[in-house]
Amino acid sequence: MKRYLTIIFVLLAVATLFIGLRFEARWSGIASWGIAFIFFIFAAYFTKYIPNGKRSPK
């Protein structure tokens, strides 16, 4: 499950930016970019759980 967290956090960041920038509130741009930045940090952290495709010899 952890290897799917990268794509989940990237999609959450994109959705946050899409929804947050549609509102015409005063701080919506800053807030949405801040939350998206946090999601991108988490996505970068969980990239270490993505398998690299190399098989270990048995």
C-alpha atoms as a PDB file:
ATOM      1  CA  MET A   1       0.000   0.000   0.000  1.00  0.00           C
ATOM      2  CA  LYS A   2       2.844   2.408   0.720  1.00  0.00           C
ATOM      3  CA  ARG A   3       4.025   2.376  -2.879  1.00  0.00           C
ATOM      4  CA  TYR A   4       0.699   3.828  -3.993  1.00  0.00           C
ATOM      5  CA  LEU A   5       0.903   6.754  -1.571  1.00  0.00           C
ATOM      6  CA  THR A   6       3.103   8.749  -3.952  1.00  0.00           C
ATOM      7  CA  ILE A   7       0.477   8.858  -6.677  1.00  0.00           C
ATOM      8  CA  ILE A   8      -2.270   9.447  -4.120  1.00  0.00           C
ATOM      9  CA  PHE A   9      -0.486  12.489  -2.702  1.00  0.00           C
ATOM     10  CA  VAL A  10       0.261  13.866  -6.171  1.00  0.00           C
ATOM     11  CA  LEU A  11      -3.401  13.531  -7.114  1.00  0.00           C
ATOM     12  CA  LEU A  12      -4.434  15.189  -3.847  1.00  0.00           C
ATOM     13  CA  ALA A  13      -2.090  18.086  -4.569  1.00  0.00           C
ATOM     14  CA  VAL A  14      -3.484  18.541  -8.069  1.00  0.00           C
ATOM     15  CA  ALA A  15      -7.057  18.356  -6.788  1.00  0.00           C
ATOM     16  CA  THR A  16      -6.241  20.863  -4.042  1.00  0.00           C
ATOM     17  CA  LEU A  17      -4.785  23.301  -6.550  1.00  0.00           C
ATOM     18  CA  PHE A  18      -7.666  22.848  -8.949  1.00  0.00           C
ATOM     19  CA  ILE A  19     -10.335  23.370  -6.293  1.00  0.00           C
ATOM     20  CA  GLY A  20      -8.478  25.998  -4.301  1.00  0.00           C
ATOM     21  CA  LEU A  21      -7.712  28.240  -7.238  1.00  0.00           C
ATOM     22  CA  ARG A  22     -11.347  28.142  -8.430  1.00  0.00           C
ATOM     23  CA  PHE A  23     -12.511  29.998  -5.320  1.00  0.00           C
ATOM     24  CA  GLU A  24     -12.274  33.752  -5.397  1.00  0.00           C
ATOM     25  CA  ALA A  25     -11.537  34.048  -1.683  1.00  0.00           C
ATOM     26  CA  ARG A  26      -8.833  36.352  -0.407  1.00  0.00           C
ATOM     27  CA  TRP A  27      -6.229  33.766   0.690  1.00  0.00           C
ATOM     28  CA  SER A  28      -7.327  30.803  -1.395  1.00  0.00           C
ATOM     29  CA  GLY A  29      -4.252  30.873  -3.651  1.00  0.00           C
ATOM     30  CA  ILE A  30      -1.741  30.962  -0.823  1.00  0.00           C
ATOM     31  CA  ALA A  31      -3.608  28.324   1.181  1.00  0.00           C
ATOM     32  CA  SER A  32      -4.041  25.953  -1.749  1.00  0.00           C
ATOM     33  CA  TRP A  33      -0.380  26.239  -2.798  1.00  0.00           C
ATOM     34  CA  GLY A  34       0.698  25.669   0.811  1.00  0.00           C
ATOM     35  CA  ILE A  35      -1.404  22.546   1.176  1.00  0.00           C
ATOM     36  CA  ALA A  36      -0.292  21.308  -2.259  1.00  0.00           C
ATOM     37  CA  PHE A  37       3.339  21.870  -1.271  1.00  0.00           C
ATOM     38  CA  ILE A  38       2.838  19.707   1.820  1.00  0.00           C
ATOM     39  CA  PHE A  39       1.235  16.997  -0.321  1.00  0.00           C
ATOM     40  CA  PHE A  40       4.187  17.127  -2.725  1.00  0.00           C
ATOM     41  CA  ILE A  41       6.620  16.764   0.195  1.00  0.00           C
ATOM     42  CA  PHE A  42       4.763  13.641   1.342  1.00  0.00           C
ATOM     43  CA  ALA A  43       4.733  12.307  -2.229  1.00  0.00           C
ATOM     44  CA  ALA A  44       8.492  12.768  -2.477  1.00  0.00           C
ATOM     45  CA  TYR A  45       8.990  11.019   0.860  1.00  0.00           C
ATOM     46  CA  PHE A  46       7.008   7.944  -0.169  1.00  0.00           C
ATOM     47  CA  THR A  47       8.925   7.472  -3.443  1.00  0.00           C
ATOM     48  CA  LYS A  48      11.375   5.290  -1.536  1.00  0.00           C
ATOM     49  CA  TYR A  49       8.685   2.588  -1.346  1.00  0.00           C
ATOM     50  CA  ILE A  50       8.301   2.333  -5.135  1.00  0.00           C
ATOM     51  CA  PRO A  51       9.980  -0.845  -6.369  1.00  0.00           C
ATOM     52  CA  ASN A  52      12.819  -0.225  -8.811  1.00  0.00           C
ATOM     53  CA  GLY A  53      12.188  -3.339 -10.914  1.00  0.00           C
ATOM     54  CA  LYS A  54      15.469  -5.074 -10.114  1.00  0.00           C
ATOM     55  CA  ARG A  55      15.211  -8.624  -8.889  1.00  0.00           C
ATOM     56  CA  SER A  56      17.548  -9.873  -6.213  1.00  0.00           C
ATOM     57  CA  PRO A  57      19.361 -13.107  -7.047  1.00  0.00           C
ATOM     58  CA  LYS A  58      18.199 -16.158  -5.118  1.00  0.00           C
END
